[in-house]
Amino acid sequence: MKKEYLFAGISIFMWSTMSTMTKLLLASFSNMQITAILSFFAFITLFLINLFTGKLKYFKEYSFKDYAAFVFLGLCGIFAYRCLLNAGIERMQASQAFIINYLWPVMIVLFAVIFLKEKMTVRKGLALLLSFGGVFLVAGNDLANFNEHTLVGALCCVLAAVAYGLFSVLNKKKNGEPSFCMMIFYFASFAVSTVILIVTKDSFTVTFPQTLGLLWGGVCVEAIAYTCWALALKYGDTAKISNLAYITPCLALVWSFFILKEPFSLSSIGGLALILLGVVIQLKKKKS
């Protein structure tokens, strides 16, 4: 197995738990509290990884301009993405919000064409259309029956997709050392969210079970998964790797069905078939 697919697979599995985990945490914590705590755990995890792998030496490799760019990327792809996704999940079913958020692989491909000058082939286009259609089919008839509250949630999910798509492409263009840069991104997100908590006097307490959930979110879903995804994009074709991400909402449906008791409809099965078909078309090698 090529390393880019291994990295992508790790990210996909861990990300599939994100919507269910977030929905459960939102019952006890505010949007900003979740963002701050997860960013903190992710930053500490990545700091330790960089410490033991000798990558803290990269502190000297980058200029002030580079660090300014890293802060911007962190606020775009970590802070803004997490806050917007939390807001969407808070207002909708977790699975529905996560599905709509999965516009971001499409955003990656579009931004890659604009910023990275990658070629949009017929194969990529067909695979994206099938997977994109599958995402909306999974959502079923619920997409046609939004109320005002749900529409705000849907808009937040779409904006989260735009933020993360832009982040992924600009991060690849910057081409920094992945685990070190992710550490800086999460520190920026933690710093800003903590300042907001202090200014708004948004205090909280944490129980032991909640700590386990927050650790899973910060260490695995955030630090490990995002770093693996950055590595997958670094070593692989942006459009091809991005299309694999469409598997994630399908797995997320399973978690939300068993844990949150959210319905799993026939339209979800049809959407899953389209998504997997898009992945197969994208990965199938051209004949000589």
Protein backbone atom coordinates (compact mmCIF):
# COMPACT_ATOMS: atom_id res chain seq x y z
CA MET A 1 0.00 0.00 0.00
CA LYS A 2 1.29 3.43 -0.94
CA LYS A 3 1.99 5.60 2.07
CA GLU A 4 -0.38 8.35 0.98
CA TYR A 5 -3.29 5.90 1.10
CA LEU A 6 -2.25 4.62 4.52
CA PHE A 7 -2.17 8.18 5.87
CA ALA A 8 -5.53 8.96 4.24
CA GLY A 9 -7.07 5.78 5.69
CA ILE A 10 -6.05 6.68 9.24
CA SER A 11 -7.55 10.15 8.83
CA ILE A 12 -10.78 8.80 7.35
CA PHE A 13 -11.40 6.37 10.21
CA MET A 14 -10.71 8.90 12.94
CA TRP A 15 -12.63 11.69 11.25
CA SER A 16 -15.65 9.40 10.90
CA THR A 17 -16.13 9.68 14.67
CA MET A 18 -16.00 13.49 14.65
CA SER A 19 -19.69 14.32 14.23
CA THR A 20 -20.88 11.85 16.87
CA MET A 21 -18.17 12.91 19.30
CA THR A 22 -18.96 16.60 18.77
CA LYS A 23 -22.70 16.10 19.20
CA LEU A 24 -22.10 14.38 22.54
CA LEU A 25 -19.66 17.06 23.72
CA LEU A 26 -22.03 19.89 22.74
CA ALA A 27 -24.43 18.61 25.40
CA SER A 28 -21.93 19.74 28.06
CA PHE A 29 -19.66 22.35 26.45
CA SER A 30 -20.01 25.45 24.31
CA ASN A 31 -18.69 25.69 20.76
CA MET A 32 -15.70 27.79 21.82
CA GLN A 33 -14.91 25.57 24.82
CA ILE A 34 -14.71 22.50 22.56
CA THR A 35 -12.54 24.37 20.07
CA ALA A 36 -10.14 25.54 22.79
CA ILE A 37 -9.83 22.18 24.57
CA LEU A 38 -9.39 20.10 21.42
CA SER A 39 -6.85 22.57 20.05
CA PHE A 40 -4.92 22.41 23.33
CA PHE A 41 -4.76 18.60 23.39
CA ALA A 42 -3.81 18.54 19.71
CA PHE A 43 -1.06 21.11 20.23
CA ILE A 44 0.43 19.21 23.19
CA THR A 45 0.32 15.93 21.25
CA LEU A 46 2.04 17.43 18.24
CA PHE A 47 4.59 19.20 20.42
CA LEU A 48 5.57 15.87 21.99
CA ILE A 49 5.70 14.18 18.58
CA ASN A 50 7.96 16.90 17.23
CA LEU A 51 10.09 16.83 20.37
CA PHE A 52 10.77 13.09 20.22
CA THR A 53 11.31 13.07 16.44
CA GLY A 54 13.74 15.98 16.55
CA LYS A 55 11.56 18.25 14.45
CA LEU A 56 11.54 21.17 16.86
CA LYS A 57 14.70 22.21 15.01
CA TYR A 58 12.39 23.61 12.36
CA PHE A 59 11.73 26.58 14.65
CA LYS A 60 14.89 28.11 13.16
CA GLU A 61 14.03 27.21 9.57
CA TYR A 62 11.16 29.63 9.08
CA SER A 63 10.99 33.42 8.89
CA PHE A 64 8.55 35.78 10.58
CA LYS A 65 6.62 35.90 7.29
CA ASP A 66 6.35 32.11 7.31
CA TYR A 67 4.99 32.10 10.86
CA ALA A 68 2.46 34.78 9.94
CA ALA A 69 1.30 32.52 7.12
CA PHE A 70 1.12 29.56 9.51
CA VAL A 71 -1.04 31.54 11.92
CA PHE A 72 -3.40 32.48 9.09
CA LEU A 73 -3.61 28.85 7.99
CA GLY A 74 -4.29 27.75 11.56
CA LEU A 75 -7.09 30.26 11.99
CA CYS A 76 -8.59 29.28 8.64
CA GLY A 77 -8.24 25.50 8.64
CA ILE A 78 -8.42 24.71 12.35
CA PHE A 79 -10.12 27.50 14.31
CA ALA A 80 -12.68 28.66 11.74
CA TYR A 81 -13.34 25.15 10.45
CA ARG A 82 -13.93 23.69 13.91
CA CYS A 83 -16.12 26.60 15.10
CA LEU A 84 -18.26 26.52 11.96
CA LEU A 85 -18.63 22.74 11.98
CA ASN A 86 -19.55 22.78 15.68
CA ALA A 87 -22.20 25.40 14.94
CA GLY A 88 -23.61 23.24 12.15
CA ILE A 89 -23.69 20.05 14.22
CA GLU A 90 -25.34 21.96 17.08
CA ARG A 91 -28.25 22.96 14.83
CA MET A 92 -28.72 19.76 12.80
CA GLN A 93 -28.49 16.01 13.04
CA ALA A 94 -24.82 15.12 13.38
CA SER A 95 -24.81 12.87 10.30
CA GLN A 96 -26.64 15.44 8.18
CA ALA A 97 -24.25 18.24 9.15
CA PHE A 98 -21.22 16.05 8.49
CA ILE A 99 -22.51 15.08 5.05
CA ILE A 100 -23.06 18.69 3.98
CA ASN A 101 -19.64 19.60 5.33
CA TYR A 102 -18.20 17.06 2.93
CA LEU A 103 -18.32 19.65 0.21
CA TRP A 104 -14.72 20.33 1.30
CA PRO A 105 -13.07 17.67 -0.92
CA VAL A 106 -14.76 19.38 -3.87
CA MET A 107 -13.46 22.71 -2.61
CA ILE A 108 -9.94 21.24 -2.43
CA VAL A 109 -10.08 20.17 -6.07
CA LEU A 110 -11.43 23.55 -7.17
CA PHE A 111 -8.86 25.50 -5.15
CA ALA A 112 -6.11 23.15 -6.42
CA VAL A 113 -7.01 24.07 -9.99
CA ILE A 114 -6.84 27.77 -9.06
CA PHE A 115 -3.78 27.86 -6.79
CA LEU A 116 -1.78 24.73 -7.65
CA LYS A 117 -2.53 24.69 -11.39
CA GLU A 118 -3.49 21.02 -11.21
CA LYS A 119 -5.29 19.65 -14.26
CA MET A 120 -9.00 18.87 -14.06
CA THR A 121 -9.31 15.62 -16.05
CA VAL A 122 -12.50 13.91 -17.19
CA ARG A 123 -11.79 11.05 -14.76
CA LYS A 124 -11.45 13.43 -11.81
CA GLY A 125 -14.54 15.35 -12.85
CA LEU A 126 -16.69 12.23 -13.19
CA ALA A 127 -15.48 10.80 -9.90
CA LEU A 128 -16.19 14.09 -8.11
CA LEU A 129 -19.67 14.39 -9.59
CA LEU A 130 -20.58 10.86 -8.56
CA SER A 131 -19.23 11.30 -5.04
CA PHE A 132 -20.76 14.75 -4.70
CA GLY A 133 -24.13 13.38 -5.82
CA GLY A 134 -23.76 10.52 -3.37
CA VAL A 135 -23.22 12.91 -0.48
CA PHE A 136 -26.51 14.67 -1.19
CA LEU A 137 -28.35 11.40 -1.79
CA VAL A 138 -27.21 10.21 1.63
CA ALA A 139 -28.84 13.30 3.12
CA GLY A 140 -32.12 12.21 1.54
CA ASN A 141 -35.31 14.25 1.64
CA ASP A 142 -34.19 16.13 4.74
CA LEU A 143 -32.31 18.57 2.51
CA ALA A 144 -35.61 19.72 1.01
CA ASN A 145 -37.26 20.39 4.37
CA PHE A 146 -34.90 22.80 6.11
CA ASN A 147 -36.32 25.20 8.64
CA GLU A 148 -34.59 28.48 9.46
CA HIS A 149 -32.62 26.95 12.33
CA THR A 150 -31.36 24.13 10.12
CA LEU A 151 -30.54 26.48 7.26
CA VAL A 152 -28.14 28.38 9.51
CA GLY A 153 -26.53 25.09 10.45
CA ALA A 154 -26.24 24.10 6.79
CA LEU A 155 -24.65 27.44 5.92
CA CYS A 156 -22.11 26.97 8.72
CA CYS A 157 -21.23 23.54 7.34
CA VAL A 158 -20.78 24.92 3.83
CA LEU A 159 -18.54 27.73 5.12
CA ALA A 160 -16.56 25.16 7.11
CA ALA A 161 -16.04 23.22 3.89
CA VAL A 162 -14.78 26.35 2.11
CA ALA A 163 -12.42 27.13 5.00
CA TYR A 164 -10.91 23.66 5.09
CA GLY A 165 -10.66 23.36 1.31
CA LEU A 166 -8.74 26.62 1.13
CA PHE A 167 -6.57 25.60 4.07
CA SER A 168 -5.65 22.23 2.51
CA VAL A 169 -4.56 23.73 -0.79
CA LEU A 170 -2.66 26.70 0.65
CA ASN A 171 -0.98 24.37 3.14
CA LYS A 172 0.22 22.14 0.31
CA LYS A 173 1.41 25.20 -1.63
CA LYS A 174 3.34 26.39 1.44
CA ASN A 175 4.91 22.92 1.61
CA GLY A 176 6.17 23.14 5.20
CA GLU A 177 7.12 20.18 7.39
CA PRO A 178 3.65 18.66 8.10
CA SER A 179 3.77 17.71 11.80
CA PHE A 180 5.66 20.87 12.79
CA CYS A 181 3.31 23.13 10.86
CA MET A 182 0.23 21.39 12.28
CA MET A 183 1.60 22.08 15.76
CA ILE A 184 1.74 25.81 14.95
CA PHE A 185 -1.74 25.70 13.42
CA TYR A 186 -3.24 24.21 16.57
CA PHE A 187 -1.36 26.61 18.81
CA ALA A 188 -2.88 29.52 16.87
CA SER A 189 -6.35 28.02 17.23
CA PHE A 190 -5.83 27.36 20.95
CA ALA A 191 -4.48 30.87 21.60
CA VAL A 192 -7.36 32.66 19.86
CA SER A 193 -10.12 30.47 21.33
CA THR A 194 -8.63 30.81 24.83
CA VAL A 195 -8.53 34.61 24.55
CA ILE A 196 -12.20 34.56 23.52
CA LEU A 197 -13.08 32.33 26.50
CA ILE A 198 -11.27 34.69 28.88
CA VAL A 199 -12.88 37.82 27.44
CA THR A 200 -16.38 36.28 27.52
CA LYS A 201 -15.74 34.71 30.97
CA ASP A 202 -16.87 31.35 29.59
CA SER A 203 -15.76 28.96 32.36
CA PHE A 204 -16.33 25.19 32.54
CA THR A 205 -15.59 22.01 34.50
CA VAL A 206 -14.73 18.59 33.08
CA THR A 207 -15.66 15.12 34.37
CA PHE A 208 -13.53 12.01 33.80
CA PRO A 209 -15.74 10.53 31.00
CA GLN A 210 -15.77 13.93 29.28
CA THR A 211 -11.97 14.06 29.56
CA LEU A 212 -11.72 10.75 27.70
CA GLY A 213 -13.92 12.10 24.92
CA LEU A 214 -11.94 15.32 24.71
CA LEU A 215 -8.66 13.38 24.62
CA TRP A 216 -9.93 11.22 21.78
CA GLY A 217 -11.02 14.34 19.92
CA GLY A 218 -7.86 16.35 20.51
CA VAL A 219 -5.24 13.61 20.19
CA CYS A 220 -6.74 11.30 17.56
CA VAL A 221 -9.42 13.18 15.59
CA GLU A 222 -7.46 16.43 15.53
CA ALA A 223 -3.68 15.95 15.94
CA ILE A 224 -3.13 12.51 14.39
CA ALA A 225 -5.86 12.60 11.74
CA TYR A 226 -5.09 16.10 10.46
CA THR A 227 -1.35 15.43 10.34
CA CYS A 228 -1.91 12.18 8.44
CA TRP A 229 -4.16 14.03 6.00
CA ALA A 230 -1.53 16.71 5.45
CA LEU A 231 1.00 13.94 4.73
CA ALA A 232 -1.42 12.23 2.35
CA LEU A 233 -1.90 15.46 0.39
CA LYS A 234 1.85 16.12 0.45
CA TYR A 235 2.77 12.76 -1.08
CA GLY A 236 -0.27 12.09 -3.25
CA ASP A 237 -2.36 13.67 -5.98
CA THR A 238 -4.58 16.30 -4.38
CA ALA A 239 -7.79 15.45 -6.27
CA LYS A 240 -7.37 11.68 -5.93
CA ILE A 241 -6.66 11.78 -2.19
CA SER A 242 -9.46 14.29 -1.63
CA ASN A 243 -11.97 11.98 -3.31
CA LEU A 244 -11.16 9.24 -0.78
CA ALA A 245 -12.49 11.51 1.95
CA TYR A 246 -16.04 10.82 0.73
CA ILE A 247 -15.84 7.46 2.50
CA THR A 248 -15.81 9.31 5.84
CA PRO A 249 -19.46 10.49 5.95
CA CYS A 250 -20.57 6.93 5.21
CA LEU A 251 -18.68 5.65 8.25
CA ALA A 252 -20.00 8.61 10.23
CA LEU A 253 -23.56 7.46 9.47
CA VAL A 254 -22.80 4.14 11.14
CA TRP A 255 -21.47 5.82 14.31
CA SER A 256 -24.44 8.20 14.51
CA PHE A 257 -26.90 5.35 13.96
CA PHE A 258 -25.59 3.17 16.76
CA ILE A 259 -24.59 5.86 19.26
CA LEU A 260 -26.95 8.78 18.59
CA LYS A 261 -29.81 6.63 17.24
CA GLU A 262 -30.12 8.81 14.13
CA PRO A 263 -31.98 7.06 11.27
CA PHE A 264 -30.17 5.21 8.49
CA SER A 265 -32.34 5.38 5.35
CA LEU A 266 -32.37 3.63 1.98
CA SER A 267 -31.18 6.88 0.40
CA SER A 268 -28.05 6.55 2.54
CA ILE A 269 -27.35 3.14 1.02
CA GLY A 270 -27.79 4.58 -2.48
CA GLY A 271 -25.52 7.49 -1.64
CA LEU A 272 -22.92 5.13 -0.27
CA ALA A 273 -22.96 3.19 -3.57
CA LEU A 274 -22.39 6.39 -5.58
CA ILE A 275 -19.60 7.54 -3.27
CA LEU A 276 -17.75 4.23 -3.51
CA LEU A 277 -18.24 4.15 -7.28
CA GLY A 278 -16.64 7.59 -7.50
CA VAL A 279 -13.70 6.40 -5.42
CA VAL A 280 -13.20 3.31 -7.63
CA ILE A 281 -13.27 5.40 -10.82
CA GLN A 282 -10.81 7.87 -9.33
CA LEU A 283 -8.36 5.17 -8.22
CA LYS A 284 -8.59 2.90 -11.26
CA LYS A 285 -5.47 3.18 -13.37
CA LYS A 286 -5.75 4.14 -17.00
CA LYS A 287 -5.01 1.40 -19.51
CA SER A 288 -1.88 1.89 -21.58
